[in-house]
mmCIF file of all heavy atoms, coordinates in Angstrom:
data_MODEL
# 
_entry.id   MODEL 
# 
loop_
_atom_site.group_PDB 
_atom_site.id 
_atom_site.type_symbol 
_atom_site.label_atom_id 
_atom_site.label_alt_id 
_atom_site.label_comp_id 
_atom_site.label_asym_id 
_atom_site.label_entity_id 
_atom_site.label_seq_id 
_atom_site.pdbx_PDB_ins_code 
_atom_site.Cartn_x 
_atom_site.Cartn_y 
_atom_site.Cartn_z 
_atom_site.occupancy 
_atom_site.B_iso_or_equiv 
_atom_site.pdbx_formal_charge 
_atom_site.auth_seq_id 
_atom_site.auth_comp_id 
_atom_site.auth_asym_id 
_atom_site.auth_atom_id 
_atom_site.pdbx_PDB_model_num 
ATOM 1   N N   . LEU A 1 1  ? -24.684 -12.211 0.186   1.00 0.00 ? 1  LEU A N   1 
ATOM 2   C CA  . LEU A 1 1  ? -24.359 -10.727 0.000   1.00 0.00 ? 1  LEU A CA  1 
ATOM 3   C C   . LEU A 1 1  ? -23.997 -10.072 1.253   1.00 0.00 ? 1  LEU A C   1 
ATOM 4   O O   . LEU A 1 1  ? -23.039 -9.192  1.327   1.00 0.00 ? 1  LEU A O   1 
ATOM 5   C CB  . LEU A 1 1  ? -25.718 -10.189 -0.537  1.00 0.00 ? 1  LEU A CB  1 
ATOM 6   C CG  . LEU A 1 1  ? -25.593 -8.590  -0.827  1.00 0.00 ? 1  LEU A CG  1 
ATOM 7   C CD1 . LEU A 1 1  ? -24.484 -8.344  -1.869  1.00 0.00 ? 1  LEU A CD1 1 
ATOM 8   C CD2 . LEU A 1 1  ? -26.934 -8.055  -1.238  1.00 0.00 ? 1  LEU A CD2 1 
ATOM 9   N N   . ASP A 1 2  ? -24.624 -10.455 2.366   1.00 0.00 ? 2  ASP A N   1 
ATOM 10  C CA  . ASP A 1 2  ? -24.155 -9.762  3.690   1.00 0.00 ? 2  ASP A CA  1 
ATOM 11  C C   . ASP A 1 2  ? -22.863 -10.003 3.991   1.00 0.00 ? 2  ASP A C   1 
ATOM 12  O O   . ASP A 1 2  ? -22.195 -9.124  4.407   1.00 0.00 ? 2  ASP A O   1 
ATOM 13  C CB  . ASP A 1 2  ? -25.081 -10.270 4.744   1.00 0.00 ? 2  ASP A CB  1 
ATOM 14  C CG  . ASP A 1 2  ? -26.581 -9.742  4.598   1.00 0.00 ? 2  ASP A CG  1 
ATOM 15  O OD1 . ASP A 1 2  ? -26.768 -8.896  3.895   1.00 0.00 ? 2  ASP A OD1 1 
ATOM 16  O OD2 . ASP A 1 2  ? -27.523 -10.441 5.282   1.00 0.00 ? 2  ASP A OD2 1 
ATOM 17  N N   . GLN A 1 3  ? -22.330 -11.256 3.895   1.00 0.00 ? 3  GLN A N   1 
ATOM 18  C CA  . GLN A 1 3  ? -21.016 -11.631 4.221   1.00 0.00 ? 3  GLN A CA  1 
ATOM 19  C C   . GLN A 1 3  ? -19.946 -10.952 3.231   1.00 0.00 ? 3  GLN A C   1 
ATOM 20  O O   . GLN A 1 3  ? -18.857 -10.447 3.605   1.00 0.00 ? 3  GLN A O   1 
ATOM 21  C CB  . GLN A 1 3  ? -20.749 -13.200 4.111   1.00 0.00 ? 3  GLN A CB  1 
ATOM 22  C CG  . GLN A 1 3  ? -21.550 -13.931 5.124   1.00 0.00 ? 3  GLN A CG  1 
ATOM 23  C CD  . GLN A 1 3  ? -22.905 -14.513 4.469   1.00 0.00 ? 3  GLN A CD  1 
ATOM 24  O OE1 . GLN A 1 3  ? -23.678 -13.655 3.979   1.00 0.00 ? 3  GLN A OE1 1 
ATOM 25  N NE2 . GLN A 1 3  ? -23.008 -15.810 4.563   1.00 0.00 ? 3  GLN A NE2 1 
ATOM 26  N N   . ILE A 1 4  ? -20.361 -10.819 1.937   1.00 0.00 ? 4  ILE A N   1 
ATOM 27  C CA  . ILE A 1 4  ? -19.540 -10.250 0.925   1.00 0.00 ? 4  ILE A CA  1 
ATOM 28  C C   . ILE A 1 4  ? -19.380 -8.653  1.333   1.00 0.00 ? 4  ILE A C   1 
ATOM 29  O O   . ILE A 1 4  ? -18.273 -8.117  1.120   1.00 0.00 ? 4  ILE A O   1 
ATOM 30  C CB  . ILE A 1 4  ? -20.211 -10.480 -0.446  1.00 0.00 ? 4  ILE A CB  1 
ATOM 31  C CG1 . ILE A 1 4  ? -19.885 -11.782 -0.853  1.00 0.00 ? 4  ILE A CG1 1 
ATOM 32  C CG2 . ILE A 1 4  ? -19.402 -9.457  -1.436  1.00 0.00 ? 4  ILE A CG2 1 
ATOM 33  C CD1 . ILE A 1 4  ? -20.661 -12.302 -2.107  1.00 0.00 ? 4  ILE A CD1 1 
ATOM 34  N N   . ILE A 1 5  ? -20.525 -8.066  1.572   1.00 0.00 ? 5  ILE A N   1 
ATOM 35  C CA  . ILE A 1 5  ? -20.449 -6.683  1.952   1.00 0.00 ? 5  ILE A CA  1 
ATOM 36  C C   . ILE A 1 5  ? -19.607 -6.389  3.124   1.00 0.00 ? 5  ILE A C   1 
ATOM 37  O O   . ILE A 1 5  ? -18.730 -5.493  3.263   1.00 0.00 ? 5  ILE A O   1 
ATOM 38  C CB  . ILE A 1 5  ? -21.827 -6.136  2.216   1.00 0.00 ? 5  ILE A CB  1 
ATOM 39  C CG1 . ILE A 1 5  ? -22.669 -5.999  0.921   1.00 0.00 ? 5  ILE A CG1 1 
ATOM 40  C CG2 . ILE A 1 5  ? -21.894 -4.729  2.981   1.00 0.00 ? 5  ILE A CG2 1 
ATOM 41  C CD1 . ILE A 1 5  ? -24.112 -5.568  1.145   1.00 0.00 ? 5  ILE A CD1 1 
ATOM 42  N N   . GLU A 1 6  ? -19.744 -7.290  4.194   1.00 0.00 ? 6  GLU A N   1 
ATOM 43  C CA  . GLU A 1 6  ? -18.959 -7.261  5.338   1.00 0.00 ? 6  GLU A CA  1 
ATOM 44  C C   . GLU A 1 6  ? -17.515 -7.354  5.081   1.00 0.00 ? 6  GLU A C   1 
ATOM 45  O O   . GLU A 1 6  ? -16.631 -6.480  5.565   1.00 0.00 ? 6  GLU A O   1 
ATOM 46  C CB  . GLU A 1 6  ? -19.381 -8.182  6.422   1.00 0.00 ? 6  GLU A CB  1 
ATOM 47  C CG  . GLU A 1 6  ? -18.527 -8.137  7.791   1.00 0.00 ? 6  GLU A CG  1 
ATOM 48  C CD  . GLU A 1 6  ? -18.914 -9.173  8.710   1.00 0.00 ? 6  GLU A CD  1 
ATOM 49  O OE1 . GLU A 1 6  ? -19.828 -10.036 8.384   1.00 0.00 ? 6  GLU A OE1 1 
ATOM 50  O OE2 . GLU A 1 6  ? -18.564 -9.247  9.840   1.00 0.00 ? 6  GLU A OE2 1 
ATOM 51  N N   . PHE A 1 7  ? -17.154 -8.358  4.296   1.00 0.00 ? 7  PHE A N   1 
ATOM 52  C CA  . PHE A 1 7  ? -15.689 -8.588  3.942   1.00 0.00 ? 7  PHE A CA  1 
ATOM 53  C C   . PHE A 1 7  ? -15.134 -7.440  3.141   1.00 0.00 ? 7  PHE A C   1 
ATOM 54  O O   . PHE A 1 7  ? -13.989 -6.931  3.265   1.00 0.00 ? 7  PHE A O   1 
ATOM 55  C CB  . PHE A 1 7  ? -15.667 -9.904  3.113   1.00 0.00 ? 7  PHE A CB  1 
ATOM 56  C CG  . PHE A 1 7  ? -14.289 -10.349 2.929   1.00 0.00 ? 7  PHE A CG  1 
ATOM 57  C CD1 . PHE A 1 7  ? -13.585 -11.233 3.695   1.00 0.00 ? 7  PHE A CD1 1 
ATOM 58  C CD2 . PHE A 1 7  ? -13.561 -10.066 1.719   1.00 0.00 ? 7  PHE A CD2 1 
ATOM 59  C CE1 . PHE A 1 7  ? -12.293 -11.666 3.445   1.00 0.00 ? 7  PHE A CE1 1 
ATOM 60  C CE2 . PHE A 1 7  ? -12.349 -10.466 1.428   1.00 0.00 ? 7  PHE A CE2 1 
ATOM 61  C CZ  . PHE A 1 7  ? -11.576 -11.347 2.399   1.00 0.00 ? 7  PHE A CZ  1 
ATOM 62  N N   . GLY A 1 8  ? -16.010 -6.908  2.079   1.00 0.00 ? 8  GLY A N   1 
ATOM 63  C CA  . GLY A 1 8  ? -15.568 -5.759  1.309   1.00 0.00 ? 8  GLY A CA  1 
ATOM 64  C C   . GLY A 1 8  ? -15.200 -4.477  2.004   1.00 0.00 ? 8  GLY A C   1 
ATOM 65  O O   . GLY A 1 8  ? -14.229 -3.868  1.814   1.00 0.00 ? 8  GLY A O   1 
ATOM 66  N N   . ASN A 1 9  ? -16.002 -4.282  3.117   1.00 0.00 ? 9  ASN A N   1 
ATOM 67  C CA  . ASN A 1 9  ? -15.680 -3.146  3.905   1.00 0.00 ? 9  ASN A CA  1 
ATOM 68  C C   . ASN A 1 9  ? -14.560 -3.366  4.699   1.00 0.00 ? 9  ASN A C   1 
ATOM 69  O O   . ASN A 1 9  ? -13.776 -2.430  5.004   1.00 0.00 ? 9  ASN A O   1 
ATOM 70  C CB  . ASN A 1 9  ? -16.915 -2.941  4.904   1.00 0.00 ? 9  ASN A CB  1 
ATOM 71  C CG  . ASN A 1 9  ? -17.984 -2.052  4.337   1.00 0.00 ? 9  ASN A CG  1 
ATOM 72  O OD1 . ASN A 1 9  ? -17.715 -1.140  3.444   1.00 0.00 ? 9  ASN A OD1 1 
ATOM 73  N ND2 . ASN A 1 9  ? -19.263 -2.413  4.440   1.00 0.00 ? 9  ASN A ND2 1 
ATOM 74  N N   . LYS A 1 10 ? -14.161 -4.502  5.219   1.00 0.00 ? 10 LYS A N   1 
ATOM 75  C CA  . LYS A 1 10 ? -13.020 -4.861  6.014   1.00 0.00 ? 10 LYS A CA  1 
ATOM 76  C C   . LYS A 1 10 ? -11.695 -4.628  5.136   1.00 0.00 ? 10 LYS A C   1 
ATOM 77  O O   . LYS A 1 10 ? -10.774 -4.242  5.706   1.00 0.00 ? 10 LYS A O   1 
ATOM 78  C CB  . LYS A 1 10 ? -12.935 -6.188  6.486   1.00 0.00 ? 10 LYS A CB  1 
ATOM 79  C CG  . LYS A 1 10 ? -13.920 -6.408  7.616   1.00 0.00 ? 10 LYS A CG  1 
ATOM 80  C CD  . LYS A 1 10 ? -13.997 -7.818  8.200   1.00 0.00 ? 10 LYS A CD  1 
ATOM 81  C CE  . LYS A 1 10 ? -14.881 -8.063  9.355   1.00 0.00 ? 10 LYS A CE  1 
ATOM 82  N NZ  . LYS A 1 10 ? -14.929 -9.368  9.831   1.00 0.00 ? 10 LYS A NZ  1 
ATOM 83  N N   . ILE A 1 11 ? -11.802 -4.914  3.846   1.00 0.00 ? 11 ILE A N   1 
ATOM 84  C CA  . ILE A 1 11 ? -10.662 -4.734  2.968   1.00 0.00 ? 11 ILE A CA  1 
ATOM 85  C C   . ILE A 1 11 ? -10.615 -3.410  2.191   1.00 0.00 ? 11 ILE A C   1 
ATOM 86  O O   . ILE A 1 11 ? -9.671  -3.317  1.321   1.00 0.00 ? 11 ILE A O   1 
ATOM 87  C CB  . ILE A 1 11 ? -10.474 -5.969  1.974   1.00 0.00 ? 11 ILE A CB  1 
ATOM 88  C CG1 . ILE A 1 11 ? -11.488 -6.105  1.105   1.00 0.00 ? 11 ILE A CG1 1 
ATOM 89  C CG2 . ILE A 1 11 ? -10.196 -7.234  2.872   1.00 0.00 ? 11 ILE A CG2 1 
ATOM 90  C CD1 . ILE A 1 11 ? -11.254 -7.105  -0.045  1.00 0.00 ? 11 ILE A CD1 1 
ATOM 91  N N   . GLY A 1 12 ? -11.642 -2.654  2.458   1.00 0.00 ? 12 GLY A N   1 
ATOM 92  C CA  . GLY A 1 12 ? -11.576 -1.341  1.826   1.00 0.00 ? 12 GLY A CA  1 
ATOM 93  C C   . GLY A 1 12 ? -11.981 -1.194  0.368   1.00 0.00 ? 12 GLY A C   1 
ATOM 94  O O   . GLY A 1 12 ? -11.518 -0.518  -0.488  1.00 0.00 ? 12 GLY A O   1 
ATOM 95  N N   . LEU A 1 13 ? -12.910 -2.175  -0.019  1.00 0.00 ? 13 LEU A N   1 
ATOM 96  C CA  . LEU A 1 13 ? -13.389 -2.200  -1.434  1.00 0.00 ? 13 LEU A CA  1 
ATOM 97  C C   . LEU A 1 13 ? -14.233 -0.947  -1.645  1.00 0.00 ? 13 LEU A C   1 
ATOM 98  O O   . LEU A 1 13 ? -14.873 -0.523  -0.828  1.00 0.00 ? 13 LEU A O   1 
ATOM 99  C CB  . LEU A 1 13 ? -14.322 -3.391  -1.774  1.00 0.00 ? 13 LEU A CB  1 
ATOM 100 C CG  . LEU A 1 13 ? -13.600 -4.905  -1.816  1.00 0.00 ? 13 LEU A CG  1 
ATOM 101 C CD1 . LEU A 1 13 ? -14.670 -5.833  -2.181  1.00 0.00 ? 13 LEU A CD1 1 
ATOM 102 C CD2 . LEU A 1 13 ? -12.447 -4.828  -2.796  1.00 0.00 ? 13 LEU A CD2 1 
ATOM 103 N N   . SER A 1 14 ? -14.142 -0.456  -2.971  1.00 0.00 ? 14 SER A N   1 
ATOM 104 C CA  . SER A 1 14 ? -15.101 0.568   -3.496  1.00 0.00 ? 14 SER A CA  1 
ATOM 105 C C   . SER A 1 14 ? -16.212 0.069   -4.281  1.00 0.00 ? 14 SER A C   1 
ATOM 106 O O   . SER A 1 14 ? -17.265 0.655   -4.310  1.00 0.00 ? 14 SER A O   1 
ATOM 107 C CB  . SER A 1 14 ? -14.213 1.602   -4.211  1.00 0.00 ? 14 SER A CB  1 
ATOM 108 O OG  . SER A 1 14 ? -13.305 2.290   -3.477  1.00 0.00 ? 14 SER A OG  1 
ATOM 109 N N   . TYR A 1 15 ? -15.954 -1.178  -4.867  1.00 0.00 ? 15 TYR A N   1 
ATOM 110 C CA  . TYR A 1 15 ? -16.944 -1.739  -5.746  1.00 0.00 ? 15 TYR A CA  1 
ATOM 111 C C   . TYR A 1 15 ? -17.079 -3.299  -5.508  1.00 0.00 ? 15 TYR A C   1 
ATOM 112 O O   . TYR A 1 15 ? -16.202 -3.956  -5.218  1.00 0.00 ? 15 TYR A O   1 
ATOM 113 C CB  . TYR A 1 15 ? -16.565 -1.605  -7.176  1.00 0.00 ? 15 TYR A CB  1 
ATOM 114 C CG  . TYR A 1 15 ? -16.409 -0.158  -7.665  1.00 0.00 ? 15 TYR A CG  1 
ATOM 115 C CD1 . TYR A 1 15 ? -15.253 0.609   -7.528  1.00 0.00 ? 15 TYR A CD1 1 
ATOM 116 C CD2 . TYR A 1 15 ? -17.526 0.480   -8.311  1.00 0.00 ? 15 TYR A CD2 1 
ATOM 117 C CE1 . TYR A 1 15 ? -15.160 1.913   -7.892  1.00 0.00 ? 15 TYR A CE1 1 
ATOM 118 C CE2 . TYR A 1 15 ? -17.451 1.829   -8.672  1.00 0.00 ? 15 TYR A CE2 1 
ATOM 119 C CZ  . TYR A 1 15 ? -16.193 2.508   -8.554  1.00 0.00 ? 15 TYR A CZ  1 
ATOM 120 O OH  . TYR A 1 15 ? -16.130 3.847   -8.798  1.00 0.00 ? 15 TYR A OH  1 
ATOM 121 N N   . ILE A 1 16 ? -18.335 -3.711  -5.606  1.00 0.00 ? 16 ILE A N   1 
ATOM 122 C CA  . ILE A 1 16 ? -18.654 -5.042  -5.650  1.00 0.00 ? 16 ILE A CA  1 
ATOM 123 C C   . ILE A 1 16 ? -19.302 -5.413  -7.020  1.00 0.00 ? 16 ILE A C   1 
ATOM 124 O O   . ILE A 1 16 ? -20.317 -4.764  -7.316  1.00 0.00 ? 16 ILE A O   1 
ATOM 125 C CB  . ILE A 1 16 ? -19.635 -5.517  -4.488  1.00 0.00 ? 16 ILE A CB  1 
ATOM 126 C CG1 . ILE A 1 16 ? -18.924 -5.509  -3.143  1.00 0.00 ? 16 ILE A CG1 1 
ATOM 127 C CG2 . ILE A 1 16 ? -20.193 -6.963  -4.698  1.00 0.00 ? 16 ILE A CG2 1 
ATOM 128 C CD1 . ILE A 1 16 ? -19.834 -5.720  -1.889  1.00 0.00 ? 16 ILE A CD1 1 
ATOM 129 N N   . ILE A 1 17 ? -18.731 -6.216  -7.662  1.00 0.00 ? 17 ILE A N   1 
ATOM 130 C CA  . ILE A 1 17 ? -19.132 -6.389  -9.185  1.00 0.00 ? 17 ILE A CA  1 
ATOM 131 C C   . ILE A 1 17 ? -19.734 -7.816  -9.451  1.00 0.00 ? 17 ILE A C   1 
ATOM 132 O O   . ILE A 1 17 ? -19.162 -8.846  -8.972  1.00 0.00 ? 17 ILE A O   1 
ATOM 133 C CB  . ILE A 1 17 ? -18.052 -6.170  -10.160 1.00 0.00 ? 17 ILE A CB  1 
ATOM 134 C CG1 . ILE A 1 17 ? -17.408 -4.786  -9.931  1.00 0.00 ? 17 ILE A CG1 1 
ATOM 135 C CG2 . ILE A 1 17 ? -18.353 -6.428  -11.559 1.00 0.00 ? 17 ILE A CG2 1 
ATOM 136 C CD1 . ILE A 1 17 ? -18.332 -3.714  -10.300 1.00 0.00 ? 17 ILE A CD1 1 
ATOM 137 N N   . CYS A 1 18 ? -20.905 -7.863  -10.066 1.00 0.00 ? 18 CYS A N   1 
ATOM 138 C CA  . CYS A 1 18 ? -21.396 -9.181  -10.474 1.00 0.00 ? 18 CYS A CA  1 
ATOM 139 C C   . CYS A 1 18 ? -20.805 -9.495  -11.886 1.00 0.00 ? 18 CYS A C   1 
ATOM 140 O O   . CYS A 1 18 ? -20.970 -8.691  -12.862 1.00 0.00 ? 18 CYS A O   1 
ATOM 141 C CB  . CYS A 1 18 ? -22.942 -9.072  -10.615 1.00 0.00 ? 18 CYS A CB  1 
ATOM 142 S SG  . CYS A 1 18 ? -23.651 -10.619 -11.235 1.00 0.00 ? 18 CYS A SG  1 
ATOM 143 N N   . ALA A 1 19 ? -20.184 -10.619 -11.905 1.00 0.00 ? 19 ALA A N   1 
ATOM 144 C CA  . ALA A 1 19 ? -19.410 -10.882 -13.175 1.00 0.00 ? 19 ALA A CA  1 
ATOM 145 C C   . ALA A 1 19 ? -20.018 -12.112 -13.951 1.00 0.00 ? 19 ALA A C   1 
ATOM 146 O O   . ALA A 1 19 ? -19.707 -12.343 -14.976 1.00 0.00 ? 19 ALA A O   1 
ATOM 147 C CB  . ALA A 1 19 ? -17.922 -11.348 -12.893 1.00 0.00 ? 19 ALA A CB  1 
ATOM 148 N N   . PHE A 1 20 ? -21.156 -12.576 -13.425 1.00 0.00 ? 20 PHE A N   1 
ATOM 149 C CA  . PHE A 1 20 ? -22.007 -13.608 -14.246 1.00 0.00 ? 20 PHE A CA  1 
ATOM 150 C C   . PHE A 1 20 ? -23.349 -13.544 -13.439 1.00 0.00 ? 20 PHE A C   1 
ATOM 151 O O   . PHE A 1 20 ? -23.451 -13.648 -12.386 1.00 0.00 ? 20 PHE A O   1 
ATOM 152 C CB  . PHE A 1 20 ? -21.460 -14.995 -14.156 1.00 0.00 ? 20 PHE A CB  1 
ATOM 153 C CG  . PHE A 1 20 ? -22.055 -15.923 -15.086 1.00 0.00 ? 20 PHE A CG  1 
ATOM 154 C CD1 . PHE A 1 20 ? -21.574 -16.058 -16.328 1.00 0.00 ? 20 PHE A CD1 1 
ATOM 155 C CD2 . PHE A 1 20 ? -23.175 -16.666 -14.729 1.00 0.00 ? 20 PHE A CD2 1 
ATOM 156 C CE1 . PHE A 1 20 ? -22.100 -16.952 -17.320 1.00 0.00 ? 20 PHE A CE1 1 
ATOM 157 C CE2 . PHE A 1 20 ? -23.693 -17.562 -15.689 1.00 0.00 ? 20 PHE A CE2 1 
ATOM 158 C CZ  . PHE A 1 20 ? -23.170 -17.751 -16.842 1.00 0.00 ? 20 PHE A CZ  1 
ATOM 159 N N   . PRO A 1 21 ? -24.452 -13.253 -14.293 1.00 0.00 ? 21 PRO A N   1 
ATOM 160 C CA  . PRO A 1 21 ? -25.717 -13.156 -13.847 1.00 0.00 ? 21 PRO A CA  1 
ATOM 161 C C   . PRO A 1 21 ? -26.537 -14.386 -13.379 1.00 0.00 ? 21 PRO A C   1 
ATOM 162 O O   . PRO A 1 21 ? -25.972 -15.445 -13.624 1.00 0.00 ? 21 PRO A O   1 
ATOM 163 C CB  . PRO A 1 21 ? -26.547 -12.335 -14.975 1.00 0.00 ? 21 PRO A CB  1 
ATOM 164 C CG  . PRO A 1 21 ? -25.801 -13.029 -16.169 1.00 0.00 ? 21 PRO A CG  1 
ATOM 165 C CD  . PRO A 1 21 ? -24.387 -13.130 -15.743 1.00 0.00 ? 21 PRO A CD  1 
ATOM 166 N N   . GLY A 1 22 ? -27.610 -14.159 -12.938 1.00 0.00 ? 22 GLY A N   1 
ATOM 167 C CA  . GLY A 1 22 ? -28.442 -15.382 -12.540 1.00 0.00 ? 22 GLY A CA  1 
ATOM 168 C C   . GLY A 1 22 ? -29.584 -15.558 -13.480 1.00 0.00 ? 22 GLY A C   1 
ATOM 169 O O   . GLY A 1 22 ? -29.829 -14.845 -14.419 1.00 0.00 ? 22 GLY A O   1 
ATOM 170 N N   . PHE A 1 23 ? -30.456 -16.575 -13.174 1.00 0.00 ? 23 PHE A N   1 
ATOM 171 C CA  . PHE A 1 23 ? -31.550 -16.848 -13.856 1.00 0.00 ? 23 PHE A CA  1 
ATOM 172 C C   . PHE A 1 23 ? -32.875 -16.792 -13.102 1.00 0.00 ? 23 PHE A C   1 
ATOM 173 O O   . PHE A 1 23 ? -32.835 -17.162 -11.827 1.00 0.00 ? 23 PHE A O   1 
ATOM 174 C CB  . PHE A 1 23 ? -31.576 -18.463 -14.386 1.00 0.00 ? 23 PHE A CB  1 
ATOM 175 C CG  . PHE A 1 23 ? -30.615 -18.621 -15.350 1.00 0.00 ? 23 PHE A CG  1 
ATOM 176 C CD1 . PHE A 1 23 ? -29.219 -19.127 -14.904 1.00 0.00 ? 23 PHE A CD1 1 
ATOM 177 C CD2 . PHE A 1 23 ? -30.762 -18.504 -16.711 1.00 0.00 ? 23 PHE A CD2 1 
ATOM 178 C CE1 . PHE A 1 23 ? -28.270 -19.316 -15.900 1.00 0.00 ? 23 PHE A CE1 1 
ATOM 179 C CE2 . PHE A 1 23 ? -29.665 -18.682 -17.725 1.00 0.00 ? 23 PHE A CE2 1 
ATOM 180 C CZ  . PHE A 1 23 ? -28.541 -19.101 -17.391 1.00 0.00 ? 23 PHE A CZ  1 
ATOM 181 N N   . LYS A 1 24 ? -33.926 -16.237 -13.757 1.00 0.00 ? 24 LYS A N   1 
ATOM 182 C CA  . LYS A 1 24 ? -35.194 -16.128 -12.950 1.00 0.00 ? 24 LYS A CA  1 
ATOM 183 C C   . LYS A 1 24 ? -35.668 -17.470 -12.521 1.00 0.00 ? 24 LYS A C   1 
ATOM 184 O O   . LYS A 1 24 ? -36.165 -17.674 -11.479 1.00 0.00 ? 24 LYS A O   1 
ATOM 185 C CB  . LYS A 1 24 ? -36.203 -15.506 -14.001 1.00 0.00 ? 24 LYS A CB  1 
ATOM 186 C CG  . LYS A 1 24 ? -37.527 -15.141 -13.351 1.00 0.00 ? 24 LYS A CG  1 
ATOM 187 C CD  . LYS A 1 24 ? -38.512 -14.478 -14.205 1.00 0.00 ? 24 LYS A CD  1 
ATOM 188 C CE  . LYS A 1 24 ? -39.845 -14.211 -13.524 1.00 0.00 ? 24 LYS A CE  1 
ATOM 189 N NZ  . LYS A 1 24 ? -40.733 -13.462 -14.442 1.00 0.00 ? 24 LYS A NZ  1 
# 
């Protein structure tokens, strides 16, 4: 998540979307 947020900010994303959930 931290790397994804950093990358997203660098390319100017407005949204980060989960496209497949996880399991408890």
